[in-house]
Amino acid sequence: MVEAVGAEMFGEPLYPTIADKAAFLMFSVISNHVFQDGNKRTGLEAALLFLKLNGYKLKTDLKNISISDWEGILIEKGDSSNSNELLINFTLEVASGQIRLDGCKLWFAENIEMLK
């Protein structure tokens, strides 16, 4: 699975950005039920470790992404005191199928920054 983040089609990367790659790792582990237990924790930690190894981290003030009727994506600025809750809810929404890979990519794109 780790090699899959570098996959290409017709010479173009399937996951061109760091955010796309982190989203793919998290989404794949969670959605494919790699383990009997702990898929959500492992998927999130895999994405966070990937970000750290590539010089990125989650922002302190996370943004919430709501998907309405699978058509529109609404991004709302989160509350920094609520960032843990937003991260937990995001992970649970990925696990329940409410957020698909494209939404996961967008969430990471909006919520990561380079390490200082």
PDB file of N, CA and C in Angstrom:
ATOM      1  N   MET A   1       0.809  -1.186   0.000  1.00  0.00           N
ATOM      2  CA  MET A   1       0.000   0.000   0.000  1.00  0.00           C
ATOM      3  C   MET A   1       0.858   1.258   0.000  1.00  0.00           C
ATOM      4  N   VAL A   2       1.972   1.237   0.696  1.00  0.00           N
ATOM      5  CA  VAL A   2       2.826   2.417   0.768  1.00  0.00           C
ATOM      6  C   VAL A   2       3.340   2.792  -0.624  1.00  0.00           C
ATOM      7  N   GLU A   3       3.657   1.791  -1.430  1.00  0.00           N
ATOM      8  CA  GLU A   3       4.142   2.069  -2.785  1.00  0.00           C
ATOM      9  C   GLU A   3       3.056   2.679  -3.656  1.00  0.00           C
ATOM     10  N   ALA A   4       1.793   2.432  -3.329  1.00  0.00           N
ATOM     11  CA  ALA A   4       0.679   2.908  -4.150  1.00  0.00           C
ATOM     12  C   ALA A   4       0.592   4.430  -4.180  1.00  0.00           C
ATOM     13  N   VAL A   5       1.117   5.128  -3.173  1.00  0.00           N
ATOM     14  CA  VAL A   5       1.055   6.593  -3.198  1.00  0.00           C
ATOM     15  C   VAL A   5       1.891   7.156  -4.333  1.00  0.00           C
ATOM     16  N   GLY A   6       2.831   6.380  -4.832  1.00  0.00           N
ATOM     17  CA  GLY A   6       3.672   6.808  -5.952  1.00  0.00           C
ATOM     18  C   GLY A   6       3.176   6.302  -7.297  1.00  0.00           C
ATOM     19  N   ALA A   7       1.974   5.745  -7.337  1.00  0.00           N
ATOM     20  CA  ALA A   7       1.438   5.168  -8.571  1.00  0.00           C
ATOM     21  C   ALA A   7       1.261   6.236  -9.652  1.00  0.00           C
ATOM     22  N   GLU A   8       1.446   5.794 -10.893  1.00  0.00           N
ATOM     23  CA  GLU A   8       1.276   6.678 -12.041  1.00  0.00           C
ATOM     24  C   GLU A   8       0.330   6.049 -13.044  1.00  0.00           C
ATOM     25  N   MET A   9      -0.306   6.910 -13.833  1.00  0.00           N
ATOM     26  CA  MET A   9      -1.126   6.457 -14.944  1.00  0.00           C
ATOM     27  C   MET A   9      -0.794   7.356 -16.128  1.00  0.00           C
ATOM     28  N   PHE A  10      -0.397   6.753 -17.212  1.00  0.00           N
ATOM     29  CA  PHE A  10       0.001   7.486 -18.415  1.00  0.00           C
ATOM     30  C   PHE A  10       1.109   8.487 -18.109  1.00  0.00           C
ATOM     31  N   GLY A  11       2.018   8.102 -17.223  1.00  0.00           N
ATOM     32  CA  GLY A  11       3.154   8.941 -16.880  1.00  0.00           C
ATOM     33  C   GLY A  11       2.858  10.063 -15.908  1.00  0.00           C
ATOM     34  N   GLU A  12       1.641  10.162 -15.449  1.00  0.00           N
ATOM     35  CA  GLU A  12       1.254  11.201 -14.495  1.00  0.00           C
ATOM     36  C   GLU A  12       0.950  10.566 -13.140  1.00  0.00           C
ATOM     37  N   PRO A  13       1.395  11.198 -12.040  1.00  0.00           N
ATOM     38  CA  PRO A  13       1.108  10.627 -10.716  1.00  0.00           C
ATOM     39  C   PRO A  13      -0.381  10.659 -10.403  1.00  0.00           C
ATOM     40  N   LEU A  14      -0.885   9.572  -9.821  1.00  0.00           N
ATOM     41  CA  LEU A  14      -2.282   9.538  -9.405  1.00  0.00           C
ATOM     42  C   LEU A  14      -2.521  10.424  -8.183  1.00  0.00           C
ATOM     43  N   TYR A  15      -1.505  10.566  -7.364  1.00  0.00           N
ATOM     44  CA  TYR A  15      -1.595  11.364  -6.137  1.00  0.00           C
ATOM     45  C   TYR A  15      -0.434  12.356  -6.144  1.00  0.00           C
ATOM     46  N   PRO A  16      -0.595  13.481  -6.856  1.00  0.00           N
ATOM     47  CA  PRO A  16       0.534  14.380  -7.104  1.00  0.00           C
ATOM     48  C   PRO A  16       0.995  15.210  -5.902  1.00  0.00           C
ATOM     49  N   THR A  17       0.133  15.494  -4.954  1.00  0.00           N
ATOM     50  CA  THR A  17       0.531  16.357  -3.844  1.00  0.00           C
ATOM     51  C   THR A  17       0.717  15.554  -2.556  1.00  0.00           C
ATOM     52  N   ILE A  18       1.394  16.164  -1.619  1.00  0.00           N
ATOM     53  CA  ILE A  18       1.563  15.542  -0.298  1.00  0.00           C
ATOM     54  C   ILE A  18       0.191  15.304   0.337  1.00  0.00           C
ATOM     55  N   ALA A  19      -0.713  16.262   0.194  1.00  0.00           N
ATOM     56  CA  ALA A  19      -2.063  16.119   0.752  1.00  0.00           C
ATOM     57  C   ALA A  19      -2.786  14.937   0.116  1.00  0.00           C
ATOM     58  N   ASP A  20      -2.648  14.774  -1.199  1.00  0.00           N
ATOM     59  CA  ASP A  20      -3.282  13.643  -1.893  1.00  0.00           C
ATOM     60  C   ASP A  20      -2.740  12.316  -1.380  1.00  0.00           C
ATOM     61  N   LYS A  21      -1.442  12.267  -1.192  1.00  0.00           N
ATOM     62  CA  LYS A  21      -0.797  11.033  -0.733  1.00  0.00           C
ATOM     63  C   LYS A  21      -1.225  10.683   0.696  1.00  0.00           C
ATOM     64  N   ALA A  22      -1.233  11.682   1.584  1.00  0.00           N
ATOM     65  CA  ALA A  22      -1.657  11.451   2.972  1.00  0.00           C
ATOM     66  C   ALA A  22      -3.117  10.999   3.009  1.00  0.00           C
ATOM     67  N   ALA A  23      -3.951  11.644   2.195  1.00  0.00           N
ATOM     68  CA  ALA A  23      -5.368  11.278   2.138  1.00  0.00           C
ATOM     69  C   ALA A  23      -5.536   9.847   1.651  1.00  0.00           C
ATOM     70  N   PHE A  24      -4.784   9.476   0.633  1.00  0.00           N
ATOM     71  CA  PHE A  24      -4.871   8.118   0.095  1.00  0.00           C
ATOM     72  C   PHE A  24      -4.469   7.091   1.151  1.00  0.00           C
ATOM     73  N   LEU A  25      -3.386   7.360   1.876  1.00  0.00           N
ATOM     74  CA  LEU A  25      -2.943   6.427   2.925  1.00  0.00           C
ATOM     75  C   LEU A  25      -4.031   6.243   3.983  1.00  0.00           C
ATOM     76  N   MET A  26      -4.541   7.347   4.491  1.00  0.00           N
ATOM     77  CA  MET A  26      -5.562   7.264   5.530  1.00  0.00           C
ATOM     78  C   MET A  26      -6.816   6.566   5.016  1.00  0.00           C
ATOM     79  N   PHE A  27      -7.301   7.011   3.881  1.00  0.00           N
ATOM     80  CA  PHE A  27      -8.524   6.468   3.307  1.00  0.00           C
ATOM     81  C   PHE A  27      -8.389   4.973   3.025  1.00  0.00           C
ATOM     82  N   SER A  28      -7.254   4.558   2.490  1.00  0.00           N
ATOM     83  CA  SER A  28      -7.052   3.152   2.135  1.00  0.00           C
ATOM     84  C   SER A  28      -7.037   2.241   3.354  1.00  0.00           C
ATOM     85  N   VAL A  29      -6.307   2.644   4.375  1.00  0.00           N
ATOM     86  CA  VAL A  29      -6.243   1.816   5.584  1.00  0.00           C
ATOM     87  C   VAL A  29      -7.623   1.722   6.230  1.00  0.00           C
ATOM     88  N   ILE A  30      -8.295   2.850   6.345  1.00  0.00           N
ATOM     89  CA  ILE A  30      -9.609   2.857   7.003  1.00  0.00           C
ATOM     90  C   ILE A  30     -10.652   2.114   6.170  1.00  0.00           C
ATOM     91  N   SER A  31     -10.721   2.402   4.900  1.00  0.00           N
ATOM     92  CA  SER A  31     -11.784   1.850   4.049  1.00  0.00           C
ATOM     93  C   SER A  31     -11.589   0.387   3.680  1.00  0.00           C
ATOM     94  N   ASN A  32     -10.344  -0.048   3.604  1.00  0.00           N
ATOM     95  CA  ASN A  32     -10.080  -1.437   3.213  1.00  0.00           C
ATOM     96  C   ASN A  32     -10.001  -2.379   4.399  1.00  0.00           C
ATOM     97  N   HIS A  33     -10.190  -1.848   5.603  1.00  0.00           N
ATOM     98  CA  HIS A  33     -10.204  -2.673   6.815  1.00  0.00           C
ATOM     99  C   HIS A  33      -9.006  -3.630   6.842  1.00  0.00           C
ATOM    100  N   VAL A  34      -7.830  -3.026   6.806  1.00  0.00           N
ATOM    101  CA  VAL A  34      -6.577  -3.781   6.787  1.00  0.00           C
ATOM    102  C   VAL A  34      -6.445  -4.678   8.016  1.00  0.00           C
ATOM    103  N   PHE A  35      -6.935  -4.207   9.148  1.00  0.00           N
ATOM    104  CA  PHE A  35      -6.825  -4.951  10.400  1.00  0.00           C
ATOM    105  C   PHE A  35      -8.217  -5.298  10.930  1.00  0.00           C
ATOM    106  N   GLN A  36      -8.258  -6.239  11.846  1.00  0.00           N
ATOM    107  CA  GLN A  36      -9.526  -6.576  12.478  1.00  0.00           C
ATOM    108  C   GLN A  36      -9.996  -5.433  13.372  1.00  0.00           C
ATOM    109  N   ASP A  37      -9.058  -4.756  14.005  1.00  0.00           N
ATOM    110  CA  ASP A  37      -9.372  -3.647  14.898  1.00  0.00           C
ATOM    111  C   ASP A  37      -8.287  -2.592  14.742  1.00  0.00           C
ATOM    112  N   GLY A  38      -8.645  -1.331  14.925  1.00  0.00           N
ATOM    113  CA  GLY A  38      -7.654  -0.260  14.909  1.00  0.00           C
ATOM    114  C   GLY A  38      -7.426   0.385  13.558  1.00  0.00           C
ATOM    115  N   ASN A  39      -8.301   0.173  12.601  1.00  0.00           N
ATOM    116  CA  ASN A  39      -8.108   0.743  11.272  1.00  0.00           C
ATOM    117  C   ASN A  39      -8.154   2.274  11.266  1.00  0.00           C
ATOM    118  N   LYS A  40      -9.051   2.856  12.039  1.00  0.00           N
ATOM    119  CA  LYS A  40      -9.155   4.315  12.077  1.00  0.00           C
ATOM    120  C   LYS A  40      -7.898   4.923  12.692  1.00  0.00           C
ATOM    121  N   ARG A  41      -7.463   4.373  13.821  1.00  0.00           N
ATOM    122  CA  ARG A  41      -6.255   4.885  14.475  1.00  0.00           C
ATOM    123  C   ARG A  41      -5.040   4.717  13.571  1.00  0.00           C
ATOM    124  N   THR A  42      -4.922   3.541  12.968  1.00  0.00           N
ATOM    125  CA  THR A  42      -3.764   3.258  12.122  1.00  0.00           C
ATOM    126  C   THR A  42      -3.773   4.121  10.866  1.00  0.00           C
ATOM    127  N   GLY A  43      -4.948   4.292  10.252  1.00  0.00           N
ATOM    128  CA  GLY A  43      -5.041   5.124   9.054  1.00  0.00           C
ATOM    129  C   GLY A  43      -4.659   6.565   9.331  1.00  0.00           C
ATOM    130  N   LEU A  44      -5.166   7.107  10.432  1.00  0.00           N
ATOM    131  CA  LEU A  44      -4.826   8.480  10.801  1.00  0.00           C
ATOM    132  C   LEU A  44      -3.341   8.598  11.114  1.00  0.00           C
ATOM    133  N   GLU A  45      -2.809   7.695  11.910  1.00  0.00           N
ATOM    134  CA  GLU A  45      -1.393   7.752  12.281  1.00  0.00           C
ATOM    135  C   GLU A  45      -0.478   7.561  11.067  1.00  0.00           C
ATOM    136  N   ALA A  46      -0.867   6.710  10.128  1.00  0.00           N
ATOM    137  CA  ALA A  46      -0.078   6.521   8.903  1.00  0.00           C
ATOM    138  C   ALA A  46       0.005   7.833   8.129  1.00  0.00           C
ATOM    139  N   ALA A  47      -1.117   8.519   8.022  1.00  0.00           N
ATOM    140  CA  ALA A  47      -1.136   9.802   7.306  1.00  0.00           C
ATOM    141  C   ALA A  47      -0.301  10.843   8.044  1.00  0.00           C
ATOM    142  N   LEU A  48      -0.435  10.919   9.366  1.00  0.00           N
ATOM    143  CA  LEU A  48       0.319  11.903  10.141  1.00  0.00           C
ATOM    144  C   LEU A  48       1.817  11.635  10.092  1.00  0.00           C
ATOM    145  N   LEU A  49       2.201  10.361  10.165  1.00  0.00           N
ATOM    146  CA  LEU A  49       3.622  10.017  10.062  1.00  0.00           C
ATOM    147  C   LEU A  49       4.153  10.340   8.669  1.00  0.00           C
ATOM    148  N   PHE A  50       3.387  10.038   7.642  1.00  0.00           N
ATOM    149  CA  PHE A  50       3.786  10.363   6.272  1.00  0.00           C
ATOM    150  C   PHE A  50       4.015  11.872   6.137  1.00  0.00           C
ATOM    151  N   LEU A  51       3.085  12.652   6.681  1.00  0.00           N
ATOM    152  CA  LEU A  51       3.243  14.109   6.622  1.00  0.00           C
ATOM    153  C   LEU A  51       4.528  14.546   7.320  1.00  0.00           C
ATOM    154  N   LYS A  52       4.760  14.026   8.519  1.00  0.00           N
ATOM    155  CA  LYS A  52       5.945  14.411   9.299  1.00  0.00           C
ATOM    156  C   LYS A  52       7.232  14.044   8.567  1.00  0.00           C
ATOM    157  N   LEU A  53       7.276  12.853   8.002  1.00  0.00           N
ATOM    158  CA  LEU A  53       8.476  12.412   7.284  1.00  0.00           C
ATOM    159  C   LEU A  53       8.744  13.242   6.031  1.00  0.00           C
ATOM    160  N   ASN A  54       7.711  13.921   5.545  1.00  0.00           N
ATOM    161  CA  ASN A  54       7.851  14.748   4.349  1.00  0.00           C
ATOM    162  C   ASN A  54       7.830  16.243   4.661  1.00  0.00           C
ATOM    163  N   GLY A  55       7.993  16.588   5.947  1.00  0.00           N
ATOM    164  CA  GLY A  55       8.130  17.988   6.333  1.00  0.00           C
ATOM    165  C   GLY A  55       6.827  18.755   6.490  1.00  0.00           C
ATOM    166  N   TYR A  56       5.742  18.059   6.782  1.00  0.00           N
ATOM    167  CA  TYR A  56       4.436  18.693   6.951  1.00  0.00           C
ATOM    168  C   TYR A  56       3.815  18.273   8.272  1.00  0.00           C
ATOM    169  N   LYS A  57       2.783  18.987   8.682  1.00  0.00           N
ATOM    170  CA  LYS A  57       2.022  18.664   9.886  1.00  0.00           C
ATOM    171  C   LYS A  57       0.614  19.203   9.715  1.00  0.00           C
ATOM    172  N   LEU A  58      -0.276  18.797  10.611  1.00  0.00           N
ATOM    173  CA  LEU A  58      -1.612  19.370  10.631  1.00  0.00           C
ATOM    174  C   LEU A  58      -1.530  20.786  11.198  1.00  0.00           C
ATOM    175  N   LYS A  59      -2.370  21.668  10.687  1.00  0.00           N
ATOM    176  CA  LYS A  59      -2.451  23.020  11.221  1.00  0.00           C
ATOM    177  C   LYS A  59      -3.040  22.979  12.624  1.00  0.00           C
ATOM    178  N   THR A  60      -2.735  23.980  13.404  1.00  0.00           N
ATOM    179  CA  THR A  60      -3.280  24.079  14.753  1.00  0.00           C
ATOM    180  C   THR A  60      -4.777  24.339  14.714  1.00  0.00           C
ATOM    181  N   ASP A  61      -5.194  25.176  13.783  1.00  0.00           N
ATOM    182  CA  ASP A  61      -6.605  25.535  13.645  1.00  0.00           C
ATOM    183  C   ASP A  61      -7.169  24.802  12.432  1.00  0.00           C
ATOM    184  N   LEU A  62      -7.751  23.633  12.669  1.00  0.00           N
ATOM    185  CA  LEU A  62      -8.268  22.808  11.574  1.00  0.00           C
ATOM    186  C   LEU A  62      -9.537  23.405  10.994  1.00  0.00           C
ATOM    187  N   LYS A  63      -9.769  23.093   9.730  1.00  0.00           N
ATOM    188  CA  LYS A  63     -11.000  23.505   9.060  1.00  0.00           C
ATOM    189  C   LYS A  63     -11.894  22.294   8.922  1.00  0.00           C
ATOM    190  N   ASN A  64     -13.166  22.515   9.096  1.00  0.00           N
ATOM    191  CA  ASN A  64     -14.152  21.456   8.989  1.00  0.00           C
ATOM    192  C   ASN A  64     -14.671  21.397   7.558  1.00  0.00           C
ATOM    193  N   ILE A  65     -14.846  20.210   7.047  1.00  0.00           N
ATOM    194  CA  ILE A  65     -15.398  20.047   5.707  1.00  0.00           C
ATOM    195  C   ILE A  65     -16.697  19.278   5.836  1.00  0.00           C
ATOM    196  N   SER A  66     -17.757  19.870   5.343  1.00  0.00           N
ATOM    197  CA  SER A  66     -19.058  19.209   5.329  1.00  0.00           C
ATOM    198  C   SER A  66     -19.420  18.913   3.885  1.00  0.00           C
ATOM    199  N   ILE A  67     -19.886  17.725   3.644  1.00  0.00           N
ATOM    200  CA  ILE A  67     -20.293  17.352   2.301  1.00  0.00           C
ATOM    201  C   ILE A  67     -21.802  17.215   2.307  1.00  0.00           C
ATOM    202  N   SER A  68     -22.459  18.013   1.476  1.00  0.00           N
ATOM    203  CA  SER A  68     -23.914  17.958   1.428  1.00  0.00           C
ATOM    204  C   SER A  68     -24.368  17.228   0.172  1.00  0.00           C
ATOM    205  N   ASP A  69     -25.089  16.168   0.376  1.00  0.00           N
ATOM    206  CA  ASP A  69     -25.682  15.389  -0.713  1.00  0.00           C
ATOM    207  C   ASP A  69     -24.661  14.949  -1.757  1.00  0.00           C
ATOM    208  N   TRP A  70     -23.434  14.756  -1.369  1.00  0.00           N
ATOM    209  CA  TRP A  70     -22.353  14.299  -2.257  1.00  0.00           C
ATOM    210  C   TRP A  70     -22.080  15.242  -3.415  1.00  0.00           C
ATOM    211  N   GLU A  71     -22.726  16.396  -3.431  1.00  0.00           N
ATOM    212  CA  GLU A  71     -22.552  17.308  -4.555  1.00  0.00           C
ATOM    213  C   GLU A  71     -21.636  18.467  -4.208  1.00  0.00           C
ATOM    214  N   GLY A  72     -21.866  19.067  -3.067  1.00  0.00           N
ATOM    215  CA  GLY A  72     -21.085  20.236  -2.716  1.00  0.00           C
ATOM    216  C   GLY A  72     -20.251  20.003  -1.486  1.00  0.00           C
ATOM    217  N   ILE A  73     -19.131  20.686  -1.440  1.00  0.00           N
ATOM    218  CA  ILE A  73     -18.257  20.586  -0.278  1.00  0.00           C
ATOM    219  C   ILE A  73     -18.178  21.965   0.353  1.00  0.00           C
ATOM    220  N   LEU A  74     -18.501  22.046   1.615  1.00  0.00           N
ATOM    221  CA  LEU A  74     -18.484  23.296   2.346  1.00  0.00           C
ATOM    222  C   LEU A  74     -17.332  23.256   3.337  1.00  0.00           C
ATOM    223  N   ILE A  75     -16.492  24.269   3.309  1.00  0.00           N
ATOM    224  CA  ILE A  75     -15.360  24.337   4.226  1.00  0.00           C
ATOM    225  C   ILE A  75     -15.638  25.433   5.245  1.00  0.00           C
ATOM    226  N   GLU A  76     -15.563  25.070   6.501  1.00  0.00           N
ATOM    227  CA  GLU A  76     -15.789  26.023   7.578  1.00  0.00           C
ATOM    228  C   GLU A  76     -14.549  26.060   8.451  1.00  0.00           C
ATOM    229  N   LYS A  77     -14.161  27.237   8.877  1.00  0.00           N
ATOM    230  CA  LYS A  77     -13.018  27.357   9.769  1.00  0.00           C
ATOM    231  C   LYS A  77     -13.374  26.774  11.121  1.00  0.00           C
ATOM    232  N   GLY A  78     -12.490  25.963  11.645  1.00  0.00           N
ATOM    233  CA  GLY A  78     -12.729  25.337  12.936  1.00  0.00           C
ATOM    234  C   GLY A  78     -12.295  26.220  14.081  1.00  0.00           C
ATOM    235  N   ASP A  79     -12.487  25.727  15.243  1.00  0.00           N
ATOM    236  CA  ASP A  79     -12.093  26.397  16.473  1.00  0.00           C
ATOM    237  C   ASP A  79     -10.887  25.639  17.007  1.00  0.00           C
ATOM    238  N   SER A  80      -9.779  26.337  17.268  1.00  0.00           N
ATOM    239  CA  SER A  80      -8.557  25.653  17.680  1.00  0.00           C
ATOM    240  C   SER A  80      -8.763  24.842  18.961  1.00  0.00           C
ATOM    241  N   SER A  81      -9.680  25.262  19.813  1.00  0.00           N
ATOM    242  CA  SER A  81      -9.945  24.493  21.021  1.00  0.00           C
ATOM    243  C   SER A  81     -10.737  23.233  20.687  1.00  0.00           C
ATOM    244  N   ASN A  82     -11.242  23.171  19.474  1.00  0.00           N
ATOM    245  CA  ASN A  82     -12.086  22.082  19.034  1.00  0.00           C
ATOM    246  C   ASN A  82     -11.371  21.205  17.998  1.00  0.00           C
ATOM    247  N   SER A  83     -10.089  21.433  17.766  1.00  0.00           N
ATOM    248  CA  SER A  83      -9.365  20.731  16.698  1.00  0.00           C
ATOM    249  C   SER A  83      -9.345  19.222  16.887  1.00  0.00           C
ATOM    250  N   ASN A  84      -9.179  18.755  18.115  1.00  0.00           N
ATOM    251  CA  ASN A  84      -9.192  17.311  18.352  1.00  0.00           C
ATOM    252  C   ASN A  84     -10.538  16.707  17.988  1.00  0.00           C
ATOM    253  N   GLU A  85     -11.606  17.400  18.350  1.00  0.00           N
ATOM    254  CA  GLU A  85     -12.945  16.922  18.020  1.00  0.00           C
ATOM    255  C   GLU A  85     -13.164  16.911  16.500  1.00  0.00           C
ATOM    256  N   LEU A  86     -12.677  17.942  15.811  1.00  0.00           N
ATOM    257  CA  LEU A  86     -12.795  17.984  14.351  1.00  0.00           C
ATOM    258  C   LEU A  86     -12.024  16.829  13.715  1.00  0.00           C
ATOM    259  N   LEU A  87     -10.845  16.528  14.233  1.00  0.00           N
ATOM    260  CA  LEU A  87     -10.036  15.430  13.701  1.00  0.00           C
ATOM    261  C   LEU A  87     -10.726  14.084  13.942  1.00  0.00           C
ATOM    262  N   ILE A  88     -11.276  13.909  15.117  1.00  0.00           N
ATOM    263  CA  ILE A  88     -11.998  12.670  15.431  1.00  0.00           C
ATOM    264  C   ILE A  88     -13.219  12.522  14.524  1.00  0.00           C
ATOM    265  N   ASN A  89     -13.989  13.596  14.384  1.00  0.00           N
ATOM    266  CA  ASN A  89     -15.176  13.539  13.532  1.00  0.00           C
ATOM    267  C   ASN A  89     -14.820  13.266  12.081  1.00  0.00           C
ATOM    268  N   PHE A  90     -13.758  13.888  11.593  1.00  0.00           N
ATOM    269  CA  PHE A  90     -13.303  13.642  10.226  1.00  0.00           C
ATOM    270  C   PHE A  90     -12.959  12.168  10.037  1.00  0.00           C
ATOM    271  N   THR A  91     -12.211  11.608  10.963  1.00  0.00           N
ATOM    272  CA  THR A  91     -11.824  10.199  10.877  1.00  0.00           C
ATOM    273  C   THR A  91     -13.045   9.288  10.903  1.00  0.00           C
ATOM    274  N   LEU A  92     -13.991   9.581  11.769  1.00  0.00           N
ATOM    275  CA  LEU A  92     -15.214   8.783  11.841  1.00  0.00           C
ATOM    276  C   LEU A  92     -16.047   8.908  10.565  1.00  0.00           C
ATOM    277  N   GLU A  93     -16.069  10.084   9.971  1.00  0.00           N
ATOM    278  CA  GLU A  93     -16.816  10.285   8.724  1.00  0.00           C
ATOM    279  C   GLU A  93     -16.174   9.526   7.564  1.00  0.00           C
ATOM    280  N   VAL A  94     -14.836   9.456   7.544  1.00  0.00           N
ATOM    281  CA  VAL A  94     -14.159   8.649   6.528  1.00  0.00           C
ATOM    282  C   VAL A  94     -14.539   7.181   6.729  1.00  0.00           C
ATOM    283  N   ALA A  95     -14.500   6.724   7.978  1.00  0.00           N
ATOM    284  CA  ALA A  95     -14.796   5.320   8.287  1.00  0.00           C
ATOM    285  C   ALA A  95     -16.237   4.947   7.958  1.00  0.00           C
ATOM    286  N   SER A  96     -17.156   5.872   8.127  1.00  0.00           N
ATOM    287  CA  SER A  96     -18.564   5.574   7.878  1.00  0.00           C
ATOM    288  C   SER A  96     -18.959   5.745   6.415  1.00  0.00           C
ATOM    289  N   GLY A  97     -18.022   6.193   5.588  1.00  0.00           N
ATOM    290  CA  GLY A  97     -18.317   6.374   4.168  1.00  0.00           C
ATOM    291  C   GLY A  97     -18.933   7.712   3.832  1.00  0.00           C
ATOM    292  N   GLN A  98     -19.040   8.609   4.796  1.00  0.00           N
ATOM    293  CA  GLN A  98     -19.594   9.932   4.535  1.00  0.00           C
ATOM    294  C   GLN A  98     -18.621  10.801   3.757  1.00  0.00           C
ATOM    295  N   ILE A  99     -17.324  10.549   3.912  1.00  0.00           N
ATOM    296  CA  ILE A  99     -16.303  11.274   3.157  1.00  0.00           C
ATOM    297  C   ILE A  99     -15.562  10.268   2.293  1.00  0.00           C
ATOM    298  N   ARG A 100     -15.569  10.523   1.024  1.00  0.00           N
ATOM    299  CA  ARG A 100     -14.867   9.665   0.069  1.00  0.00           C
ATOM    300  C   ARG A 100     -13.459  10.200  -0.141  1.00  0.00           C
ATOM    301  N   LEU A 101     -12.709   9.547  -1.004  1.00  0.00           N
ATOM    302  CA  LEU A 101     -11.301   9.914  -1.203  1.00  0.00           C
ATOM    303  C   LEU A 101     -11.142  11.371  -1.637  1.00  0.00           C
ATOM    304  N   ASP A 102     -11.966  11.858  -2.538  1.00  0.00           N
ATOM    305  CA  ASP A 102     -11.834  13.249  -2.984  1.00  0.00           C
ATOM    306  C   ASP A 102     -12.044  14.233  -1.839  1.00  0.00           C
ATOM    307  N   GLY A 103     -13.006  13.964  -0.976  1.00  0.00           N
ATOM    308  CA  GLY A 103     -13.224  14.810   0.190  1.00  0.00           C
ATOM    309  C   GLY A 103     -12.062  14.734   1.164  1.00  0.00           C
ATOM    310  N   CYS A 104     -11.500  13.555   1.284  1.00  0.00           N
ATOM    311  CA  CYS A 104     -10.343  13.345   2.151  1.00  0.00           C
ATOM    312  C   CYS A 104      -9.132  14.144   1.622  1.00  0.00           C
ATOM    313  N   LYS A 105      -8.944  14.136   0.320  1.00  0.00           N
ATOM    314  CA  LYS A 105      -7.854  14.914  -0.290  1.00  0.00           C
ATOM    315  C   LYS A 105      -8.033  16.396  -0.007  1.00  0.00           C
ATOM    316  N   LEU A 106      -9.244  16.872  -0.173  1.00  0.00           N
ATOM    317  CA  LEU A 106      -9.527  18.279   0.065  1.00  0.00           C
ATOM    318  C   LEU A 106      -9.304  18.640   1.530  1.00  0.00           C
ATOM    319  N   TRP A 107      -9.741  17.769   2.442  1.00  0.00           N
ATOM    320  CA  TRP A 107      -9.553  18.029   3.868  1.00  0.00           C
ATOM    321  C   TRP A 107      -8.069  18.183   4.195  1.00  0.00           C
ATOM    322  N   PHE A 108      -7.257  17.264   3.698  1.00  0.00           N
ATOM    323  CA  PHE A 108      -5.819  17.356   3.966  1.00  0.00           C
ATOM    324  C   PHE A 108      -5.214  18.601   3.303  1.00  0.00           C
ATOM    325  N   ALA A 109      -5.632  18.923   2.099  1.00  0.00           N
ATOM    326  CA  ALA A 109      -5.110  20.101   1.411  1.00  0.00           C
ATOM    327  C   ALA A 109      -5.386  21.367   2.226  1.00  0.00           C
ATOM    328  N   GLU A 110      -6.532  21.418   2.872  1.00  0.00           N
ATOM    329  CA  GLU A 110      -6.913  22.598   3.659  1.00  0.00           C
ATOM    330  C   GLU A 110      -6.290  22.605   5.053  1.00  0.00           C
ATOM    331  N   ASN A 111      -5.824  21.475   5.527  1.00  0.00           N
ATOM    332  CA  ASN A 111      -5.443  21.350   6.934  1.00  0.00           C
ATOM    333  C   ASN A 111      -3.994  20.982   7.203  1.00  0.00           C
ATOM    334  N   ILE A 112      -3.140  21.077   6.203  1.00  0.00           N
ATOM    335  CA  ILE A 112      -1.725  20.807   6.470  1.00  0.00           C
ATOM    336  C   ILE A 112      -0.873  22.036   6.161  1.00  0.00           C
ATOM    337  N   GLU A 113       0.292  22.060   6.783  1.00  0.00           N
ATOM    338  CA  GLU A 113       1.259  23.136   6.546  1.00  0.00           C
ATOM    339  C   GLU A 113       2.659  22.567   6.718  1.00  0.00           C
ATOM    340  N   MET A 114       3.636  23.267   6.174  1.00  0.00           N
ATOM    341  CA  MET A 114       5.019  22.824   6.306  1.00  0.00           C
ATOM    342  C   MET A 114       5.485  22.982   7.746  1.00  0.00           C
ATOM    343  N   LEU A 115       6.350  22.064   8.171  1.00  0.00           N
ATOM    344  CA  LEU A 115       6.955  22.189   9.506  1.00  0.00           C
ATOM    345  C   LEU A 115       7.856  23.412   9.519  1.00  0.00           C
ATOM    346  N   LYS A 116       7.943  24.038  10.670  1.00  0.00           N
ATOM    347  CA  LYS A 116       8.788  25.241  10.791  1.00  0.00           C
ATOM    348  C   LYS A 116      10.113  24.883  11.374  1.00  0.00           C
TER     349      LYS A 116
END
